[in-house]
């Protein structure tokens, strides 16, 4: 595995762990932050797969665009498109006033991010 791929994986896993830890909070829940870190984890995991495949990707938070590039090497990942669509708004919009995530959205974001994480880790030969 390329060193740059490992770097993306480390960053992606940090976001994954942050989302999981934040989701466990009972007092003063931070649903927005759970959703944000889920999106960030999914984005970085997809970029790790692109890095490993040698596919150039733009600086973007658009999970659908990133996933579209990954489909050139992982065509079965088209099944992840609904998850990418649901996570997409949490990359930027959730960070601004007037855009609040619910507990249900945070739970769904965790499920979606975990699905993307598992597929990428399997593809790269990493433990899930």
Protein backbone atom coordinates (compact mmCIF):
# COMPACT_ATOMS: atom_id res chain seq x y z
CA UNK A 1 0.00 0.00 0.00
CA UNK A 2 1.21 3.47 -0.88
CA UNK A 3 2.30 5.77 1.96
CA UNK A 4 -0.18 8.42 0.77
CA UNK A 5 -2.99 5.85 0.92
CA UNK A 6 -2.05 5.01 4.50
CA UNK A 7 -2.15 8.73 5.34
CA UNK A 8 -5.69 9.02 3.96
CA UNK A 9 -6.73 5.90 5.90
CA UNK A 10 -5.34 7.33 9.16
CA UNK A 11 -7.28 10.57 8.69
CA UNK A 12 -10.43 8.68 7.68
CA UNK A 13 -10.20 6.41 10.70
CA UNK A 14 -9.72 9.40 13.03
CA UNK A 15 -12.96 10.90 11.69
CA UNK A 16 -14.69 7.54 12.05
CA UNK A 17 -13.61 7.23 15.68
CA UNK A 18 -14.65 10.83 16.39
CA UNK A 19 -18.12 10.16 14.96
CA UNK A 20 -18.53 6.96 16.97
CA UNK A 21 -17.36 8.62 20.19
CA UNK A 22 -19.58 11.67 19.68
CA UNK A 23 -22.58 9.44 18.95
CA UNK A 24 -22.21 7.89 22.41
CA UNK A 25 -22.79 11.21 24.18
CA UNK A 26 -26.02 11.30 26.15
CA UNK A 27 -25.78 14.77 27.67
CA UNK A 28 -25.66 17.62 25.19
CA UNK A 29 -25.72 15.44 22.06
CA UNK A 30 -23.76 16.74 19.08
CA UNK A 31 -25.68 15.29 16.13
CA UNK A 32 -24.25 17.87 13.72
CA UNK A 33 -20.71 16.86 14.58
CA UNK A 34 -21.52 13.15 14.29
CA UNK A 35 -22.85 13.76 10.79
CA UNK A 36 -19.91 15.97 9.83
CA UNK A 37 -17.33 13.40 10.93
CA UNK A 38 -19.26 10.62 9.18
CA UNK A 39 -19.12 12.57 5.92
CA UNK A 40 -15.45 13.35 6.42
CA UNK A 41 -14.62 9.72 7.14
CA UNK A 42 -16.45 8.51 4.04
CA UNK A 43 -14.80 11.19 1.90
CA UNK A 44 -11.30 10.32 3.10
CA UNK A 45 -11.85 6.58 2.76
CA UNK A 46 -13.00 7.03 -0.85
CA UNK A 47 -10.03 9.28 -1.56
CA UNK A 48 -7.73 6.63 -0.07
CA UNK A 49 -9.04 4.11 -2.61
CA UNK A 50 -8.53 6.59 -5.43
CA UNK A 51 -5.01 7.33 -4.21
CA UNK A 52 -4.17 3.65 -4.18
CA UNK A 53 -5.51 3.26 -7.72
CA UNK A 54 -3.52 6.26 -8.92
CA UNK A 55 -6.66 8.18 -9.85
CA UNK A 56 -6.36 11.95 -9.54
CA UNK A 57 -9.22 13.58 -7.66
CA UNK A 58 -10.16 17.22 -7.19
CA UNK A 59 -10.30 19.03 -3.87
CA UNK A 60 -13.99 18.55 -3.20
CA UNK A 61 -16.33 17.38 -0.46
CA UNK A 62 -18.86 16.11 -3.03
CA UNK A 63 -19.16 12.42 -2.17
CA UNK A 64 -21.15 11.66 -5.31
CA UNK A 65 -18.36 13.06 -7.50
CA UNK A 66 -15.69 11.20 -5.54
CA UNK A 67 -17.66 7.96 -5.67
CA UNK A 68 -18.16 8.39 -9.43
CA UNK A 69 -14.38 8.35 -9.83
CA UNK A 70 -14.08 5.28 -7.60
CA UNK A 71 -16.66 3.42 -9.70
CA UNK A 72 -14.07 3.20 -12.49
CA UNK A 73 -12.12 0.70 -10.35
CA UNK A 74 -14.91 -0.53 -8.06
CA UNK A 75 -18.06 -0.72 -10.22
CA UNK A 76 -20.05 -2.62 -7.58
CA UNK A 77 -19.76 0.40 -5.30
CA UNK A 78 -22.67 1.91 -7.21
CA UNK A 79 -24.68 0.38 -4.35
CA UNK A 80 -23.08 3.02 -2.11
CA UNK A 81 -24.58 5.92 -4.06
CA UNK A 82 -27.61 6.36 -1.75
CA UNK A 83 -25.28 6.52 1.26
CA UNK A 84 -23.05 9.06 -0.48
CA UNK A 85 -26.09 11.18 -1.34
CA UNK A 86 -27.33 11.14 2.25
CA UNK A 87 -23.90 12.05 3.65
CA UNK A 88 -23.14 14.75 1.07
CA UNK A 89 -24.86 17.69 2.85
CA UNK A 90 -22.93 17.03 6.03
CA UNK A 91 -19.59 18.01 4.49
CA UNK A 92 -20.34 21.73 4.44
CA UNK A 93 -23.98 22.71 5.04
CA UNK A 94 -24.25 21.16 8.51
CA UNK A 95 -21.52 23.46 9.76
CA UNK A 96 -23.66 26.58 9.35
CA UNK A 97 -26.62 27.99 11.29
CA UNK A 98 -30.03 26.86 10.19
CA UNK A 99 -28.85 23.36 9.29
CA UNK A 100 -29.30 21.05 12.25
CA UNK A 101 -29.08 17.28 12.24
CA UNK A 102 -31.52 15.13 14.14
CA UNK A 103 -30.72 12.07 16.20
CA UNK A 104 -32.17 9.91 13.41
CA UNK A 105 -29.95 11.60 10.83
CA UNK A 106 -26.90 11.03 13.02
CA UNK A 107 -27.75 7.34 13.35
CA UNK A 108 -28.28 7.03 9.58
CA UNK A 109 -25.02 8.89 8.91
CA UNK A 110 -23.13 6.41 11.10
CA UNK A 111 -24.66 3.50 9.20
CA UNK A 112 -23.83 5.06 5.83
CA UNK A 113 -20.28 5.98 6.80
CA UNK A 114 -19.65 2.49 8.18
CA UNK A 115 -20.85 0.93 4.91
CA UNK A 116 -18.38 3.02 2.90
CA UNK A 117 -15.61 2.39 5.44
CA UNK A 118 -16.12 -1.38 5.25
CA UNK A 119 -16.08 -1.48 1.45
CA UNK A 120 -12.91 0.57 1.18
CA UNK A 121 -11.11 -1.36 3.90
CA UNK A 122 -12.05 -4.68 2.26
CA UNK A 123 -10.87 -3.40 -1.10
CA UNK A 124 -7.53 -2.36 0.39
CA UNK A 125 -7.10 -5.64 2.28
CA UNK A 126 -7.53 -4.06 5.71
CA UNK A 127 -9.38 -5.44 8.73
CA UNK A 128 -12.95 -4.20 9.00
